[in-house]
């Protein structure tokens, strides 16, 4: 029998410039919004392929949340004009908090079940 554990994910130590570069690349290379959302999650959950379930959402500063939201709006206008622009981010993206610095990521509300 395989034992599965639920743990708090590790903190992300990337600068604003590094995060923006990764996010920009995601939107440049993707062809579908589902690729974008998964790859954004991969940034903060570095062991993405080992995860069975995530409870809760990462919380990010308002600056990062808005930056990603605007990226989804632009992307959806081009690739998914029939849908509500940035709807996937609003429904499935990270939470935001004005208590965090603009590009800070808080993983404390996430529980991750690994395989």
PDB file of N, CA and C in Angstrom:
ATOM      1  N   UNK A   1       0.840  -1.180   0.000  1.00  0.00           N
ATOM      2  CA  UNK A   1       0.000   0.000   0.000  1.00  0.00           C
ATOM      3  C   UNK A   1       0.884   1.242   0.000  1.00  0.00           C
ATOM      4  N   UNK A   2       0.550   2.211  -0.839  1.00  0.00           N
ATOM      5  CA  UNK A   2       1.291   3.452  -0.935  1.00  0.00           C
ATOM      6  C   UNK A   2       0.730   4.435   0.084  1.00  0.00           C
ATOM      7  N   UNK A   3       1.610   5.019   0.859  1.00  0.00           N
ATOM      8  CA  UNK A   3       1.194   6.014   1.837  1.00  0.00           C
ATOM      9  C   UNK A   3       1.217   7.382   1.171  1.00  0.00           C
ATOM     10  N   UNK A   4       0.142   8.136   1.346  1.00  0.00           N
ATOM     11  CA  UNK A   4       0.059   9.484   0.802  1.00  0.00           C
ATOM     12  C   UNK A   4       0.053  10.459   1.962  1.00  0.00           C
ATOM     13  N   UNK A   5       0.718  11.566   1.782  1.00  0.00           N
ATOM     14  CA  UNK A   5       0.799  12.534   2.861  1.00  0.00           C
ATOM     15  C   UNK A   5       0.235  13.883   2.428  1.00  0.00           C
ATOM     16  N   UNK A   6      -0.284  14.601   3.406  1.00  0.00           N
ATOM     17  CA  UNK A   6      -0.769  15.960   3.167  1.00  0.00           C
ATOM     18  C   UNK A   6       0.199  16.897   3.868  1.00  0.00           C
ATOM     19  N   UNK A   7       0.788  17.788   3.100  1.00  0.00           N
ATOM     20  CA  UNK A   7       1.815  18.685   3.607  1.00  0.00           C
ATOM     21  C   UNK A   7       1.550  20.109   3.147  1.00  0.00           C
ATOM     22  N   UNK A   8       2.183  21.035   3.834  1.00  0.00           N
ATOM     23  CA  UNK A   8       2.201  22.420   3.376  1.00  0.00           C
ATOM     24  C   UNK A   8       3.281  22.521   2.302  1.00  0.00           C
ATOM     25  N   UNK A   9       2.986  23.161   1.166  1.00  0.00           N
ATOM     26  CA  UNK A   9       3.997  23.307   0.127  1.00  0.00           C
ATOM     27  C   UNK A   9       5.101  24.258   0.547  1.00  0.00           C
ATOM     28  N   UNK A  10       6.238  24.122  -0.090  1.00  0.00           N
ATOM     29  CA  UNK A  10       7.390  24.983   0.197  1.00  0.00           C
ATOM     30  C   UNK A  10       7.132  26.402  -0.282  1.00  0.00           C
ATOM     31  N   UNK A  11       7.801  27.354   0.332  1.00  0.00           N
ATOM     32  CA  UNK A  11       7.698  28.753  -0.082  1.00  0.00           C
ATOM     33  C   UNK A  11       8.416  28.954  -1.413  1.00  0.00           C
ATOM     34  N   UNK A  12       7.962  29.924  -2.161  1.00  0.00           N
ATOM     35  CA  UNK A  12       8.553  30.255  -3.452  1.00  0.00           C
ATOM     36  C   UNK A  12       9.455  31.467  -3.262  1.00  0.00           C
ATOM     37  N   UNK A  13      10.686  31.343  -3.701  1.00  0.00           N
ATOM     38  CA  UNK A  13      11.658  32.422  -3.531  1.00  0.00           C
ATOM     39  C   UNK A  13      12.096  32.970  -4.885  1.00  0.00           C
ATOM     40  N   UNK A  14      11.167  33.530  -5.615  1.00  0.00           N
ATOM     41  CA  UNK A  14      11.476  34.135  -6.900  1.00  0.00           C
ATOM     42  C   UNK A  14      11.251  35.634  -6.815  1.00  0.00           C
ATOM     43  N   UNK A  15      12.076  36.383  -7.518  1.00  0.00           N
ATOM     44  CA  UNK A  15      11.905  37.834  -7.546  1.00  0.00           C
ATOM     45  C   UNK A  15      10.734  38.207  -8.457  1.00  0.00           C
ATOM     46  N   UNK A  16      10.323  39.451  -8.357  1.00  0.00           N
ATOM     47  CA  UNK A  16       9.250  39.950  -9.222  1.00  0.00           C
ATOM     48  C   UNK A  16       9.637  39.768 -10.687  1.00  0.00           C
ATOM     49  N   UNK A  17      10.862  40.112 -11.031  1.00  0.00           N
ATOM     50  CA  UNK A  17      11.313  39.990 -12.421  1.00  0.00           C
ATOM     51  C   UNK A  17      11.281  38.535 -12.890  1.00  0.00           C
ATOM     52  N   UNK A  18      11.701  37.612 -12.031  1.00  0.00           N
ATOM     53  CA  UNK A  18      11.676  36.189 -12.386  1.00  0.00           C
ATOM     54  C   UNK A  18      10.249  35.691 -12.570  1.00  0.00           C
ATOM     55  N   UNK A  19       9.364  36.110 -11.679  1.00  0.00           N
ATOM     56  CA  UNK A  19       7.963  35.709 -11.800  1.00  0.00           C
ATOM     57  C   UNK A  19       7.334  36.267 -13.072  1.00  0.00           C
ATOM     58  N   UNK A  20       7.569  37.542 -13.346  1.00  0.00           N
ATOM     59  CA  UNK A  20       7.011  38.158 -14.552  1.00  0.00           C
ATOM     60  C   UNK A  20       7.536  37.462 -15.801  1.00  0.00           C
ATOM     61  N   UNK A  21       8.816  37.138 -15.811  1.00  0.00           N
ATOM     62  CA  UNK A  21       9.407  36.455 -16.966  1.00  0.00           C
ATOM     63  C   UNK A  21       8.742  35.093 -17.189  1.00  0.00           C
ATOM     64  N   UNK A  22       8.562  34.337 -16.127  1.00  0.00           N
ATOM     65  CA  UNK A  22       7.913  33.025 -16.231  1.00  0.00           C
ATOM     66  C   UNK A  22       6.466  33.158 -16.700  1.00  0.00           C
ATOM     67  N   UNK A  23       5.748  34.111 -16.137  1.00  0.00           N
ATOM     68  CA  UNK A  23       4.346  34.327 -16.506  1.00  0.00           C
ATOM     69  C   UNK A  23       4.241  34.766 -17.963  1.00  0.00           C
ATOM     70  N   UNK A  24       5.076  35.711 -18.367  1.00  0.00           N
ATOM     71  CA  UNK A  24       5.056  36.186 -19.754  1.00  0.00           C
ATOM     72  C   UNK A  24       5.315  35.039 -20.723  1.00  0.00           C
ATOM     73  N   UNK A  25       6.289  34.193 -20.405  1.00  0.00           N
ATOM     74  CA  UNK A  25       6.631  33.058 -21.270  1.00  0.00           C
ATOM     75  C   UNK A  25       5.448  32.086 -21.390  1.00  0.00           C
ATOM     76  N   UNK A  26       4.768  31.857 -20.282  1.00  0.00           N
ATOM     77  CA  UNK A  26       3.600  30.968 -20.306  1.00  0.00           C
ATOM     78  C   UNK A  26       2.580  31.460 -21.331  1.00  0.00           C
ATOM     79  N   UNK A  27       2.264  32.743 -21.284  1.00  0.00           N
ATOM     80  CA  UNK A  27       1.248  33.284 -22.180  1.00  0.00           C
ATOM     81  C   UNK A  27       1.727  33.382 -23.629  1.00  0.00           C
ATOM     82  N   UNK A  28       3.026  33.524 -23.833  1.00  0.00           N
ATOM     83  CA  UNK A  28       3.569  33.564 -25.194  1.00  0.00           C
ATOM     84  C   UNK A  28       3.537  32.189 -25.850  1.00  0.00           C
ATOM     85  N   UNK A  29       3.764  31.134 -25.067  1.00  0.00           N
ATOM     86  CA  UNK A  29       3.898  29.787 -25.624  1.00  0.00           C
ATOM     87  C   UNK A  29       2.598  28.990 -25.648  1.00  0.00           C
ATOM     88  N   UNK A  30       1.621  29.345 -24.854  1.00  0.00           N
ATOM     89  CA  UNK A  30       0.386  28.560 -24.747  1.00  0.00           C
ATOM     90  C   UNK A  30      -0.548  28.808 -25.929  1.00  0.00           C
ATOM     91  N   UNK A  31      -1.381  27.803 -26.178  1.00  0.00           N
ATOM     92  CA  UNK A  31      -2.414  27.947 -27.200  1.00  0.00           C
ATOM     93  C   UNK A  31      -3.817  27.862 -26.597  1.00  0.00           C
ATOM     94  N   UNK A  32      -3.900  27.470 -25.328  1.00  0.00           N
ATOM     95  CA  UNK A  32      -5.191  27.349 -24.660  1.00  0.00           C
ATOM     96  C   UNK A  32      -5.069  27.839 -23.225  1.00  0.00           C
ATOM     97  N   UNK A  33      -6.146  28.418 -22.712  1.00  0.00           N
ATOM     98  CA  UNK A  33      -6.140  28.970 -21.354  1.00  0.00           C
ATOM     99  C   UNK A  33      -5.860  27.905 -20.296  1.00  0.00           C
ATOM    100  N   UNK A  34      -6.240  26.658 -20.555  1.00  0.00           N
ATOM    101  CA  UNK A  34      -5.976  25.594 -19.580  1.00  0.00           C
ATOM    102  C   UNK A  34      -4.470  25.359 -19.417  1.00  0.00           C
ATOM    103  N   UNK A  35      -3.706  25.515 -20.491  1.00  0.00           N
ATOM    104  CA  UNK A  35      -2.247  25.413 -20.397  1.00  0.00           C
ATOM    105  C   UNK A  35      -1.698  26.520 -19.496  1.00  0.00           C
ATOM    106  N   UNK A  36      -2.240  27.712 -19.662  1.00  0.00           N
ATOM    107  CA  UNK A  36      -1.779  28.858 -18.879  1.00  0.00           C
ATOM    108  C   UNK A  36      -2.007  28.632 -17.394  1.00  0.00           C
ATOM    109  N   UNK A  37      -3.211  28.244 -17.021  1.00  0.00           N
ATOM    110  CA  UNK A  37      -3.523  28.100 -15.598  1.00  0.00           C
ATOM    111  C   UNK A  37      -2.687  26.991 -14.977  1.00  0.00           C
ATOM    112  N   UNK A  38      -2.534  25.869 -15.671  1.00  0.00           N
ATOM    113  CA  UNK A  38      -1.729  24.766 -15.134  1.00  0.00           C
ATOM    114  C   UNK A  38      -0.273  25.197 -14.981  1.00  0.00           C
ATOM    115  N   UNK A  39       0.257  25.887 -15.960  1.00  0.00           N
ATOM    116  CA  UNK A  39       1.665  26.299 -15.884  1.00  0.00           C
ATOM    117  C   UNK A  39       1.910  27.379 -14.840  1.00  0.00           C
ATOM    118  N   UNK A  40       0.909  28.194 -14.554  1.00  0.00           N
ATOM    119  CA  UNK A  40       1.033  29.151 -13.455  1.00  0.00           C
ATOM    120  C   UNK A  40       1.061  28.399 -12.125  1.00  0.00           C
ATOM    121  N   UNK A  41       0.210  27.395 -11.997  1.00  0.00           N
ATOM    122  CA  UNK A  41       0.248  26.560 -10.789  1.00  0.00           C
ATOM    123  C   UNK A  41       1.591  25.851 -10.662  1.00  0.00           C
ATOM    124  N   UNK A  42       2.168  25.441 -11.773  1.00  0.00           N
ATOM    125  CA  UNK A  42       3.479  24.768 -11.743  1.00  0.00           C
ATOM    126  C   UNK A  42       4.577  25.674 -11.171  1.00  0.00           C
ATOM    127  N   UNK A  43       4.425  26.972 -11.342  1.00  0.00           N
ATOM    128  CA  UNK A  43       5.414  27.908 -10.787  1.00  0.00           C
ATOM    129  C   UNK A  43       5.449  27.790  -9.268  1.00  0.00           C
ATOM    130  N   UNK A  44       4.295  27.732  -8.652  1.00  0.00           N
ATOM    131  CA  UNK A  44       4.258  27.735  -7.185  1.00  0.00           C
ATOM    132  C   UNK A  44       4.252  26.338  -6.572  1.00  0.00           C
ATOM    133  N   UNK A  45       3.820  25.357  -7.333  1.00  0.00           N
ATOM    134  CA  UNK A  45       3.860  23.967  -6.870  1.00  0.00           C
ATOM    135  C   UNK A  45       4.902  23.243  -7.709  1.00  0.00           C
ATOM    136  N   UNK A  46       6.145  23.349  -7.266  1.00  0.00           N
ATOM    137  CA  UNK A  46       7.271  22.851  -8.056  1.00  0.00           C
ATOM    138  C   UNK A  46       7.255  21.339  -8.236  1.00  0.00           C
ATOM    139  N   UNK A  47       6.525  20.628  -7.408  1.00  0.00           N
ATOM    140  CA  UNK A  47       6.403  19.174  -7.553  1.00  0.00           C
ATOM    141  C   UNK A  47       5.026  18.811  -8.116  1.00  0.00           C
ATOM    142  N   UNK A  48       4.550  19.591  -9.046  1.00  0.00           N
ATOM    143  CA  UNK A  48       3.221  19.470  -9.615  1.00  0.00           C
ATOM    144  C   UNK A  48       2.870  18.033 -10.024  1.00  0.00           C
ATOM    145  N   UNK A  49       3.795  17.354 -10.656  1.00  0.00           N
ATOM    146  CA  UNK A  49       3.508  16.019 -11.173  1.00  0.00           C
ATOM    147  C   UNK A  49       3.327  14.968 -10.075  1.00  0.00           C
ATOM    148  N   UNK A  50       3.689  15.271  -8.856  1.00  0.00           N
ATOM    149  CA  UNK A  50       3.512  14.346  -7.729  1.00  0.00           C
ATOM    150  C   UNK A  50       2.233  14.623  -6.936  1.00  0.00           C
ATOM    151  N   UNK A  51       1.505  15.655  -7.292  1.00  0.00           N
ATOM    152  CA  UNK A  51       0.352  16.089  -6.502  1.00  0.00           C
ATOM    153  C   UNK A  51      -0.904  15.332  -6.907  1.00  0.00           C
ATOM    154  N   UNK A  52      -1.613  14.816  -5.898  1.00  0.00           N
ATOM    155  CA  UNK A  52      -2.922  14.196  -6.109  1.00  0.00           C
ATOM    156  C   UNK A  52      -4.041  15.215  -5.963  1.00  0.00           C
ATOM    157  N   UNK A  53      -3.907  16.095  -4.954  1.00  0.00           N
ATOM    158  CA  UNK A  53      -4.978  17.049  -4.645  1.00  0.00           C
ATOM    159  C   UNK A  53      -4.397  18.254  -3.933  1.00  0.00           C
ATOM    160  N   UNK A  54      -4.981  19.402  -4.216  1.00  0.00           N
ATOM    161  CA  UNK A  54      -4.608  20.640  -3.528  1.00  0.00           C
ATOM    162  C   UNK A  54      -5.846  21.146  -2.805  1.00  0.00           C
ATOM    163  N   UNK A  55      -5.719  21.365  -1.506  1.00  0.00           N
ATOM    164  CA  UNK A  55      -6.786  21.970  -0.729  1.00  0.00           C
ATOM    165  C   UNK A  55      -6.459  23.429  -0.512  1.00  0.00           C
ATOM    166  N   UNK A  56      -7.358  24.308  -0.875  1.00  0.00           N
ATOM    167  CA  UNK A  56      -7.110  25.743  -0.739  1.00  0.00           C
ATOM    168  C   UNK A  56      -6.394  26.300  -1.959  1.00  0.00           C
ATOM    169  N   UNK A  57      -6.131  27.586  -1.904  1.00  0.00           N
ATOM    170  CA  UNK A  57      -5.479  28.287  -3.012  1.00  0.00           C
ATOM    171  C   UNK A  57      -4.292  29.078  -2.488  1.00  0.00           C
ATOM    172  N   UNK A  58      -3.240  29.209  -3.304  1.00  0.00           N
ATOM    173  CA  UNK A  58      -2.185  30.155  -2.928  1.00  0.00           C
ATOM    174  C   UNK A  58      -2.784  31.561  -2.874  1.00  0.00           C
ATOM    175  N   UNK A  59      -2.227  32.399  -2.041  1.00  0.00           N
ATOM    176  CA  UNK A  59      -2.635  33.792  -1.975  1.00  0.00           C
ATOM    177  C   UNK A  59      -1.466  34.639  -2.452  1.00  0.00           C
ATOM    178  N   UNK A  60      -1.747  35.577  -3.319  1.00  0.00           N
ATOM    179  CA  UNK A  60      -0.694  36.445  -3.846  1.00  0.00           C
ATOM    180  C   UNK A  60      -1.073  37.894  -3.604  1.00  0.00           C
ATOM    181  N   UNK A  61      -0.065  38.749  -3.696  1.00  0.00           N
ATOM    182  CA  UNK A  61      -0.310  40.175  -3.573  1.00  0.00           C
ATOM    183  C   UNK A  61      -1.155  40.677  -4.735  1.00  0.00           C
ATOM    184  N   UNK A  62      -1.805  41.789  -4.528  1.00  0.00           N
ATOM    185  CA  UNK A  62      -2.725  42.329  -5.532  1.00  0.00           C
ATOM    186  C   UNK A  62      -2.040  42.648  -6.862  1.00  0.00           C
ATOM    187  N   UNK A  63      -0.788  43.077  -6.807  1.00  0.00           N
ATOM    188  CA  UNK A  63      -0.063  43.395  -8.038  1.00  0.00           C
ATOM    189  C   UNK A  63       0.116  42.179  -8.928  1.00  0.00           C
ATOM    190  N   UNK A  64       0.515  41.068  -8.336  1.00  0.00           N
ATOM    191  CA  UNK A  64       0.701  39.834  -9.105  1.00  0.00           C
ATOM    192  C   UNK A  64      -0.630  39.307  -9.617  1.00  0.00           C
ATOM    193  N   UNK A  65      -1.653  39.341  -8.772  1.00  0.00           N
ATOM    194  CA  UNK A  65      -2.966  38.844  -9.179  1.00  0.00           C
ATOM    195  C   UNK A  65      -3.475  39.626 -10.386  1.00  0.00           C
ATOM    196  N   UNK A  66      -3.367  40.947 -10.319  1.00  0.00           N
ATOM    197  CA  UNK A  66      -3.848  41.797 -11.403  1.00  0.00           C
ATOM    198  C   UNK A  66      -3.022  41.599 -12.678  1.00  0.00           C
ATOM    199  N   UNK A  67      -1.720  41.442 -12.530  1.00  0.00           N
ATOM    200  CA  UNK A  67      -0.845  41.215 -13.682  1.00  0.00           C
ATOM    201  C   UNK A  67      -1.289  39.957 -14.433  1.00  0.00           C
ATOM    202  N   UNK A  68      -1.527  38.874 -13.688  1.00  0.00           N
ATOM    203  CA  UNK A  68      -1.952  37.619 -14.311  1.00  0.00           C
ATOM    204  C   UNK A  68      -3.351  37.776 -14.904  1.00  0.00           C
ATOM    205  N   UNK A  69      -4.235  38.447 -14.221  1.00  0.00           N
ATOM    206  CA  UNK A  69      -5.588  38.658 -14.724  1.00  0.00           C
ATOM    207  C   UNK A  69      -5.559  39.401 -16.060  1.00  0.00           C
ATOM    208  N   UNK A  70      -4.754  40.446 -16.145  1.00  0.00           N
ATOM    209  CA  UNK A  70      -4.641  41.204 -17.396  1.00  0.00           C
ATOM    210  C   UNK A  70      -4.070  40.339 -18.512  1.00  0.00           C
ATOM    211  N   UNK A  71      -3.126  39.475 -18.170  1.00  0.00           N
ATOM    212  CA  UNK A  71      -2.558  38.551 -19.161  1.00  0.00           C
ATOM    213  C   UNK A  71      -3.640  37.619 -19.698  1.00  0.00           C
ATOM    214  N   UNK A  72      -4.494  37.117 -18.799  1.00  0.00           N
ATOM    215  CA  UNK A  72      -5.595  36.255 -19.233  1.00  0.00           C
ATOM    216  C   UNK A  72      -6.590  37.018 -20.091  1.00  0.00           C
ATOM    217  N   UNK A  73      -6.871  38.257 -19.761  1.00  0.00           N
ATOM    218  CA  UNK A  73      -7.808  39.056 -20.567  1.00  0.00           C
ATOM    219  C   UNK A  73      -7.278  39.181 -21.995  1.00  0.00           C
ATOM    220  N   UNK A  74      -6.000  39.558 -22.131  1.00  0.00           N
ATOM    221  CA  UNK A  74      -5.380  39.689 -23.460  1.00  0.00           C
ATOM    222  C   UNK A  74      -5.385  38.350 -24.198  1.00  0.00           C
ATOM    223  N   UNK A  75      -4.999  37.293 -23.495  1.00  0.00           N
ATOM    224  CA  UNK A  75      -4.925  35.962 -24.080  1.00  0.00           C
ATOM    225  C   UNK A  75      -6.308  35.502 -24.550  1.00  0.00           C
ATOM    226  N   UNK A  76      -7.305  35.652 -23.698  1.00  0.00           N
ATOM    227  CA  UNK A  76      -8.652  35.197 -24.037  1.00  0.00           C
ATOM    228  C   UNK A  76      -9.259  35.995 -25.192  1.00  0.00           C
ATOM    229  N   UNK A  77      -8.969  37.271 -25.278  1.00  0.00           N
ATOM    230  CA  UNK A  77      -9.470  38.062 -26.406  1.00  0.00           C
ATOM    231  C   UNK A  77      -8.959  37.490 -27.727  1.00  0.00           C
ATOM    232  N   UNK A  78      -7.720  37.014 -27.712  1.00  0.00           N
ATOM    233  CA  UNK A  78      -7.099  36.468 -28.924  1.00  0.00           C
ATOM    234  C   UNK A  78      -7.515  35.015 -29.166  1.00  0.00           C
ATOM    235  N   UNK A  79      -7.452  34.177 -28.139  1.00  0.00           N
ATOM    236  CA  UNK A  79      -7.627  32.729 -28.310  1.00  0.00           C
ATOM    237  C   UNK A  79      -9.029  32.210 -27.967  1.00  0.00           C
ATOM    238  N   UNK A  80      -9.758  32.928 -27.140  1.00  0.00           N
ATOM    239  CA  UNK A  80     -11.080  32.479 -26.689  1.00  0.00           C
ATOM    240  C   UNK A  80     -12.067  33.653 -26.652  1.00  0.00           C
ATOM    241  N   UNK A  81     -12.303  34.298 -27.789  1.00  0.00           N
ATOM    242  CA  UNK A  81     -13.173  35.487 -27.775  1.00  0.00           C
ATOM    243  C   UNK A  81     -14.615  35.186 -27.373  1.00  0.00           C
ATOM    244  N   UNK A  82     -15.007  33.912 -27.413  1.00  0.00           N
ATOM    245  CA  UNK A  82     -16.382  33.543 -27.075  1.00  0.00           C
ATOM    246  C   UNK A  82     -16.609  33.410 -25.573  1.00  0.00           C
ATOM    247  N   UNK A  83     -15.534  33.418 -24.782  1.00  0.00           N
ATOM    248  CA  UNK A  83     -15.709  33.211 -23.341  1.00  0.00           C
ATOM    249  C   UNK A  83     -15.494  34.515 -22.565  1.00  0.00           C
ATOM    250  N   UNK A  84     -15.884  34.485 -21.306  1.00  0.00           N
ATOM    251  CA  UNK A  84     -15.655  35.620 -20.416  1.00  0.00           C
ATOM    252  C   UNK A  84     -14.151  35.755 -20.205  1.00  0.00           C
ATOM    253  N   UNK A  85     -13.583  36.847 -20.658  1.00  0.00           N
ATOM    254  CA  UNK A  85     -12.135  37.040 -20.587  1.00  0.00           C
ATOM    255  C   UNK A  85     -11.640  37.011 -19.149  1.00  0.00           C
ATOM    256  N   UNK A  86     -10.681  36.164 -18.890  1.00  0.00           N
ATOM    257  CA  UNK A  86     -10.034  35.916 -17.597  1.00  0.00           C
ATOM    258  C   UNK A  86     -10.903  35.108 -16.643  1.00  0.00           C
ATOM    259  N   UNK A  87     -11.991  34.552 -17.140  1.00  0.00           N
ATOM    260  CA  UNK A  87     -12.880  33.772 -16.286  1.00  0.00           C
ATOM    261  C   UNK A  87     -12.198  32.587 -15.625  1.00  0.00           C
ATOM    262  N   UNK A  88     -11.295  31.921 -16.351  1.00  0.00           N
ATOM    263  CA  UNK A  88     -10.607  30.775 -15.765  1.00  0.00           C
ATOM    264  C   UNK A  88      -9.738  31.214 -14.584  1.00  0.00           C
ATOM    265  N   UNK A  89      -9.146  32.390 -14.684  1.00  0.00           N
ATOM    266  CA  UNK A  89      -8.311  32.899 -13.589  1.00  0.00           C
ATOM    267  C   UNK A  89      -9.182  33.292 -12.391  1.00  0.00           C
ATOM    268  N   UNK A  90     -10.274  33.961 -12.667  1.00  0.00           N
ATOM    269  CA  UNK A  90     -11.167  34.383 -11.594  1.00  0.00           C
ATOM    270  C   UNK A  90     -11.744  33.171 -10.864  1.00  0.00           C
ATOM    271  N   UNK A  91     -12.107  32.134 -11.599  1.00  0.00           N
ATOM    272  CA  UNK A  91     -12.721  30.950 -10.999  1.00  0.00           C
ATOM    273  C   UNK A  91     -11.721  29.952 -10.408  1.00  0.00           C
ATOM    274  N   UNK A  92     -10.545  29.837 -10.989  1.00  0.00           N
ATOM    275  CA  UNK A  92      -9.600  28.791 -10.596  1.00  0.00           C
ATOM    276  C   UNK A  92      -8.210  29.288 -10.221  1.00  0.00           C
ATOM    277  N   UNK A  93      -8.016  30.588 -10.306  1.00  0.00           N
ATOM    278  CA  UNK A  93      -6.702  31.139 -10.008  1.00  0.00           C
ATOM    279  C   UNK A  93      -6.474  31.327  -8.523  1.00  0.00           C
ATOM    280  N   UNK A  94      -5.442  32.039  -8.198  1.00  0.00           N
ATOM    281  CA  UNK A  94      -5.049  32.262  -6.817  1.00  0.00           C
ATOM    282  C   UNK A  94      -5.952  33.296  -6.154  1.00  0.00           C
ATOM    283  N   UNK A  95      -5.958  33.267  -4.838  1.00  0.00           N
ATOM    284  CA  UNK A  95      -6.607  34.324  -4.061  1.00  0.00           C
ATOM    285  C   UNK A  95      -5.654  35.515  -4.025  1.00  0.00           C
ATOM    286  N   UNK A  96      -6.167  36.665  -3.637  1.00  0.00           N
ATOM    287  CA  UNK A  96      -5.292  37.828  -3.487  1.00  0.00           C
ATOM    288  C   UNK A  96      -5.536  38.473  -2.132  1.00  0.00           C
ATOM    289  N   UNK A  97      -4.520  39.208  -1.691  1.00  0.00           N
ATOM    290  CA  UNK A  97      -4.637  39.902  -0.410  1.00  0.00           C
ATOM    291  C   UNK A  97      -3.828  41.190  -0.447  1.00  0.00           C
ATOM    292  N   UNK A  98      -4.459  42.250   0.004  1.00  0.00           N
ATOM    293  CA  UNK A  98      -3.761  43.534   0.106  1.00  0.00           C
ATOM    294  C   UNK A  98      -2.787  43.543   1.290  1.00  0.00           C
ATOM    295  N   UNK A  99      -2.837  42.521   2.119  1.00  0.00           N
ATOM    296  CA  UNK A  99      -1.911  42.419   3.250  1.00  0.00           C
ATOM    297  C   UNK A  99      -0.538  41.911   2.815  1.00  0.00           C
ATOM    298  N   UNK A 100      -0.449  41.402   1.585  1.00  0.00           N
ATOM    299  CA  UNK A 100       0.822  40.917   1.056  1.00  0.00           C
ATOM    300  C   UNK A 100       1.458  41.993   0.177  1.00  0.00           C
ATOM    301  N   UNK A 101       2.771  41.950   0.052  1.00  0.00           N
ATOM    302  CA  UNK A 101       3.443  42.797  -0.932  1.00  0.00           C
ATOM    303  C   UNK A 101       2.931  42.398  -2.315  1.00  0.00           C
ATOM    304  N   UNK A 102       3.005  43.305  -3.273  1.00  0.00           N
ATOM    305  CA  UNK A 102       2.423  43.082  -4.595  1.00  0.00           C
ATOM    306  C   UNK A 102       2.809  41.749  -5.239  1.00  0.00           C
ATOM    307  N   UNK A 103       4.038  41.281  -5.047  1.00  0.00           N
ATOM    308  CA  UNK A 103       4.503  40.057  -5.706  1.00  0.00           C
ATOM    309  C   UNK A 103       4.842  38.961  -4.708  1.00  0.00           C
ATOM    310  N   UNK A 104       4.270  39.055  -3.534  1.00  0.00           N
ATOM    311  CA  UNK A 104       4.486  38.034  -2.508  1.00  0.00           C
ATOM    312  C   UNK A 104       3.514  36.876  -2.718  1.00  0.00           C
ATOM    313  N   UNK A 105       3.958  35.662  -2.402  1.00  0.00           N
ATOM    314  CA  UNK A 105       3.133  34.470  -2.523  1.00  0.00           C
ATOM    315  C   UNK A 105       3.053  33.808  -1.155  1.00  0.00           C
ATOM    316  N   UNK A 106       1.840  33.580  -0.690  1.00  0.00           N
ATOM    317  CA  UNK A 106       1.609  32.932   0.599  1.00  0.00           C
ATOM    318  C   UNK A 106       0.952  31.579   0.343  1.00  0.00           C
ATOM    319  N   UNK A 107       1.614  30.524   0.794  1.00  0.00           N
ATOM    320  CA  UNK A 107       1.112  29.170   0.569  1.00  0.00           C
ATOM    321  C   UNK A 107       0.487  28.581   1.835  1.00  0.00           C
ATOM    322  N   UNK A 108       0.351  29.375   2.887  1.00  0.00           N
ATOM    323  CA  UNK A 108      -0.064  28.837   4.184  1.00  0.00           C
ATOM    324  C   UNK A 108      -1.488  28.277   4.198  1.00  0.00           C
ATOM    325  N   UNK A 109      -2.318  28.674   3.248  1.00  0.00           N
ATOM    326  CA  UNK A 109      -3.699  28.177   3.220  1.00  0.00           C
ATOM    327  C   UNK A 109      -3.862  26.969   2.298  1.00  0.00           C
ATOM    328  N   UNK A 110      -2.748  26.430   1.837  1.00  0.00           N
ATOM    329  CA  UNK A 110      -2.784  25.282   0.925  1.00  0.00           C
ATOM    330  C   UNK A 110      -2.334  24.021   1.653  1.00  0.00           C
ATOM    331  N   UNK A 111      -3.084  22.979   1.447  1.00  0.00           N
ATOM    332  CA  UNK A 111      -2.677  21.640   1.863  1.00  0.00           C
ATOM    333  C   UNK A 111      -2.555  20.818   0.602  1.00  0.00           C
ATOM    334  N   UNK A 112      -1.431  20.154   0.467  1.00  0.00           N
ATOM    335  CA  UNK A 112      -1.179  19.387  -0.749  1.00  0.00           C
ATOM    336  C   UNK A 112      -1.072  17.910  -0.409  1.00  0.00           C
ATOM    337  N   UNK A 113      -1.818  17.109  -1.132  1.00  0.00           N
ATOM    338  CA  UNK A 113      -1.758  15.660  -0.978  1.00  0.00           C
ATOM    339  C   UNK A 113      -0.894  15.115  -2.104  1.00  0.00           C
ATOM    340  N   UNK A 114       0.237  14.544  -1.715  1.00  0.00           N
ATOM    341  CA  UNK A 114       1.184  13.997  -2.679  1.00  0.00           C
ATOM    342  C   UNK A 114       0.990  12.494  -2.839  1.00  0.00           C
ATOM    343  N   UNK A 115       1.317  12.000  -4.017  1.00  0.00           N
ATOM    344  CA  UNK A 115       1.239  10.551  -4.244  1.00  0.00           C
ATOM    345  C   UNK A 115       2.551   9.904  -3.851  1.00  0.00           C
TER     346      UNK A 115
END
